[in-house]
């Protein structure tokens, strides 16, 4: 009977009853002596209004981003067209665009995008303890590209190449931004 209920709020026991009654007596809601709104409205009218910034169309940012990406890929393509040999060993070079299959074209495009991303990340040397991982990922990419040359229509190899490039790029980014 004298034990407090588990559901009862125990914070009430923190203040003495006399202090609690004094605090309750202090709280009084009183309306202001006069209407305050006319003064507020007058001050709002007197303050200089900021000119609204012209709104840019919502479609402009995505279009600008897409145009930048197309320009970057185009510049890499123009830069790569000037070289006679691939930047990475094992990169397939299409001798004739009519003979290349869709998977081969995707693999070549993916390789160009990967090389452009690696240029963006920077040519920094990885730490010695991570060098074996970089070497293994590079070796795997070369093996996958060679296998794609043997089996040009393999979507499985294309997906494996994408994952290998993604892992290599993520590791390079981690090293560059650390």
Protein backbone atom coordinates (compact mmCIF):
# COMPACT_ATOMS: atom_id res chain seq x y z
CA UNK A 1 0.00 0.00 0.00
CA UNK A 2 2.79 2.43 0.82
CA UNK A 3 4.90 1.35 -2.13
CA UNK A 4 4.67 3.52 -5.23
CA UNK A 5 2.83 2.16 -8.22
CA UNK A 6 5.09 1.20 -11.13
CA UNK A 7 2.93 3.24 -13.52
CA UNK A 8 3.03 6.37 -11.35
CA UNK A 9 5.35 9.19 -12.39
CA UNK A 10 8.19 9.39 -9.86
CA UNK A 11 9.38 12.83 -11.00
CA UNK A 12 6.67 14.47 -8.88
CA UNK A 13 8.59 13.60 -5.75
CA UNK A 14 11.55 15.73 -6.83
CA UNK A 15 9.96 19.06 -5.78
CA UNK A 16 8.49 19.86 -2.38
CA UNK A 17 4.73 20.50 -2.34
CA UNK A 18 5.10 24.13 -1.24
CA UNK A 19 7.39 24.93 -4.17
CA UNK A 20 5.11 23.15 -6.61
CA UNK A 21 2.11 25.24 -5.44
CA UNK A 22 4.15 28.44 -5.74
CA UNK A 23 5.11 27.56 -9.30
CA UNK A 24 1.48 26.88 -10.20
CA UNK A 25 0.45 30.24 -8.76
CA UNK A 26 3.01 32.05 -10.94
CA UNK A 27 1.46 30.83 -14.16
CA UNK A 28 -1.20 33.24 -15.34
CA UNK A 29 -2.43 33.78 -18.84
CA UNK A 30 -2.99 37.46 -19.39
CA UNK A 31 -3.94 39.05 -22.68
CA UNK A 32 -1.80 41.99 -23.83
CA UNK A 33 -2.96 45.46 -22.78
CA UNK A 34 -3.44 46.53 -26.39
CA UNK A 35 -3.66 44.92 -29.83
CA UNK A 36 -0.11 44.24 -31.08
CA UNK A 37 -0.92 43.33 -34.68
CA UNK A 38 -1.15 46.89 -36.16
CA UNK A 39 2.42 47.67 -34.98
CA UNK A 40 3.71 44.40 -36.42
CA UNK A 41 1.97 45.01 -39.75
CA UNK A 42 3.38 48.54 -39.94
CA UNK A 43 6.93 47.31 -39.33
CA UNK A 44 6.52 44.63 -41.98
CA UNK A 45 5.44 47.20 -44.53
CA UNK A 46 8.31 49.53 -43.65
CA UNK A 47 11.04 46.87 -43.87
CA UNK A 48 12.50 46.51 -47.37
CA UNK A 49 11.18 43.46 -49.14
CA UNK A 50 13.81 41.21 -50.63
CA UNK A 51 13.36 40.64 -54.31
CA UNK A 52 12.46 37.07 -55.04
CA UNK A 53 15.27 35.23 -56.75
CA UNK A 54 14.36 34.09 -60.20
CA UNK A 55 13.55 30.41 -60.05
CA UNK A 56 15.55 28.16 -62.33
CA UNK A 57 13.60 25.48 -64.08
CA UNK A 58 13.77 22.15 -62.24
CA UNK A 59 14.82 20.30 -65.37
CA UNK A 60 17.96 22.40 -65.85
CA UNK A 61 20.19 20.67 -63.27
CA UNK A 62 19.69 17.07 -64.54
CA UNK A 63 20.11 18.18 -68.16
CA UNK A 64 23.30 20.05 -67.31
CA UNK A 65 24.64 17.03 -65.42
CA UNK A 66 23.85 14.71 -68.33
CA UNK A 67 25.48 17.11 -70.81
CA UNK A 68 28.60 17.24 -68.64
CA UNK A 69 28.76 13.44 -68.49
CA UNK A 70 28.32 13.15 -72.27
CA UNK A 71 31.04 15.74 -72.80
CA UNK A 72 33.41 13.94 -70.42
CA UNK A 73 32.84 10.58 -72.11
CA UNK A 74 33.25 12.22 -75.53
CA UNK A 75 36.52 13.83 -74.49
CA UNK A 76 37.83 10.49 -73.24
CA UNK A 77 36.78 8.93 -76.55
CA UNK A 78 38.57 11.63 -78.54
CA UNK A 79 41.63 11.27 -76.32
CA UNK A 80 41.60 7.47 -76.68
CA UNK A 81 41.13 7.71 -80.47
CA UNK A 82 44.51 9.41 -80.73
CA UNK A 83 46.34 6.38 -79.27
CA UNK A 84 47.16 3.28 -81.27
CA UNK A 85 47.35 0.94 -78.30
CA UNK A 86 45.08 0.39 -75.27
CA UNK A 87 46.03 2.03 -71.99
CA UNK A 88 45.59 -1.22 -70.07
CA UNK A 89 46.93 -4.57 -71.26
CA UNK A 90 44.20 -6.98 -72.22
CA UNK A 91 41.83 -4.26 -73.43
CA UNK A 92 40.13 -5.54 -76.57
CA UNK A 93 40.47 -3.32 -79.59
CA UNK A 94 37.64 -3.59 -82.08
CA UNK A 95 39.07 -3.95 -85.56
CA UNK A 96 35.71 -3.34 -87.18
CA UNK A 97 32.67 -1.87 -85.45
CA UNK A 98 30.37 -4.04 -87.59
CA UNK A 99 32.02 -7.22 -86.28
CA UNK A 100 31.81 -6.24 -82.60
CA UNK A 101 28.85 -7.66 -80.73
CA UNK A 102 26.73 -5.71 -78.30
CA UNK A 103 28.47 -7.32 -75.31
CA UNK A 104 31.89 -6.42 -76.73
CA UNK A 105 30.79 -2.83 -77.29
CA UNK A 106 29.48 -2.66 -73.73
CA UNK A 107 32.75 -4.09 -72.40
CA UNK A 108 34.78 -1.56 -74.38
CA UNK A 109 32.59 1.30 -73.18
CA UNK A 110 32.84 0.05 -69.62
CA UNK A 111 36.62 -0.13 -69.92
CA UNK A 112 36.79 3.45 -71.21
CA UNK A 113 34.56 4.66 -68.37
CA UNK A 114 36.70 2.77 -65.86
CA UNK A 115 39.89 4.30 -67.26
CA UNK A 116 38.36 7.79 -67.15
CA UNK A 117 37.28 7.23 -63.54
CA UNK A 118 40.77 6.04 -62.63
CA UNK A 119 42.22 9.21 -64.17
CA UNK A 120 39.80 11.24 -62.03
CA UNK A 121 40.79 9.38 -58.85
CA UNK A 122 44.45 10.02 -59.57
CA UNK A 123 47.57 8.00 -60.25
CA UNK A 124 48.64 7.75 -56.60
CA UNK A 125 50.56 4.70 -55.48
CA UNK A 126 48.61 2.44 -53.15
CA UNK A 127 50.10 1.46 -49.79
CA UNK A 128 52.37 -1.57 -49.86
CA UNK A 129 49.90 -3.68 -47.90
CA UNK A 130 47.15 -3.05 -50.50
CA UNK A 131 49.33 -3.56 -53.59
CA UNK A 132 48.56 -7.32 -53.82
CA UNK A 133 44.81 -6.55 -53.88
CA UNK A 134 45.29 -4.01 -56.67
CA UNK A 135 47.45 -6.45 -58.64
CA UNK A 136 44.90 -9.25 -58.22
CA UNK A 137 42.01 -7.06 -59.39
CA UNK A 138 44.03 -5.88 -62.41
CA UNK A 139 44.96 -9.47 -63.25
CA UNK A 140 41.31 -10.55 -62.95
CA UNK A 141 40.18 -7.73 -65.24
CA UNK A 142 42.76 -8.78 -67.83
CA UNK A 143 41.64 -12.41 -67.60
CA UNK A 144 37.99 -11.43 -67.99
CA UNK A 145 38.77 -9.26 -71.01
CA UNK A 146 40.71 -12.15 -72.57
CA UNK A 147 37.78 -14.49 -71.88
CA UNK A 148 35.43 -11.96 -73.47
CA UNK A 149 37.60 -12.01 -76.58
CA UNK A 150 37.13 -15.81 -76.69
CA UNK A 151 33.41 -15.70 -75.85
CA UNK A 152 32.16 -12.30 -77.05
CA UNK A 153 28.47 -12.82 -76.22
CA UNK A 154 28.86 -13.78 -72.55
CA UNK A 155 26.71 -11.55 -70.33
CA UNK A 156 28.14 -13.37 -67.31
CA UNK A 157 31.66 -12.25 -68.18
CA UNK A 158 30.44 -8.70 -68.78
CA UNK A 159 28.80 -8.60 -65.34
CA UNK A 160 31.95 -10.04 -63.75
CA UNK A 161 34.02 -7.35 -65.48
CA UNK A 162 31.66 -4.68 -64.15
CA UNK A 163 32.00 -6.00 -60.59
CA UNK A 164 35.79 -6.23 -60.89
CA UNK A 165 36.06 -2.66 -62.17
CA UNK A 166 33.72 -1.47 -59.41
CA UNK A 167 35.84 -3.15 -56.72
CA UNK A 168 39.08 -1.81 -58.18
CA UNK A 169 37.65 1.70 -58.42
CA UNK A 170 36.22 1.57 -54.88
CA UNK A 171 39.60 0.45 -53.52
CA UNK A 172 41.39 3.22 -55.44
CA UNK A 173 38.91 5.80 -54.16
CA UNK A 174 39.37 4.59 -50.60
CA UNK A 175 43.14 4.99 -50.94
CA UNK A 176 42.88 8.38 -52.69
CA UNK A 177 40.44 9.91 -50.21
CA UNK A 178 42.00 8.44 -47.07
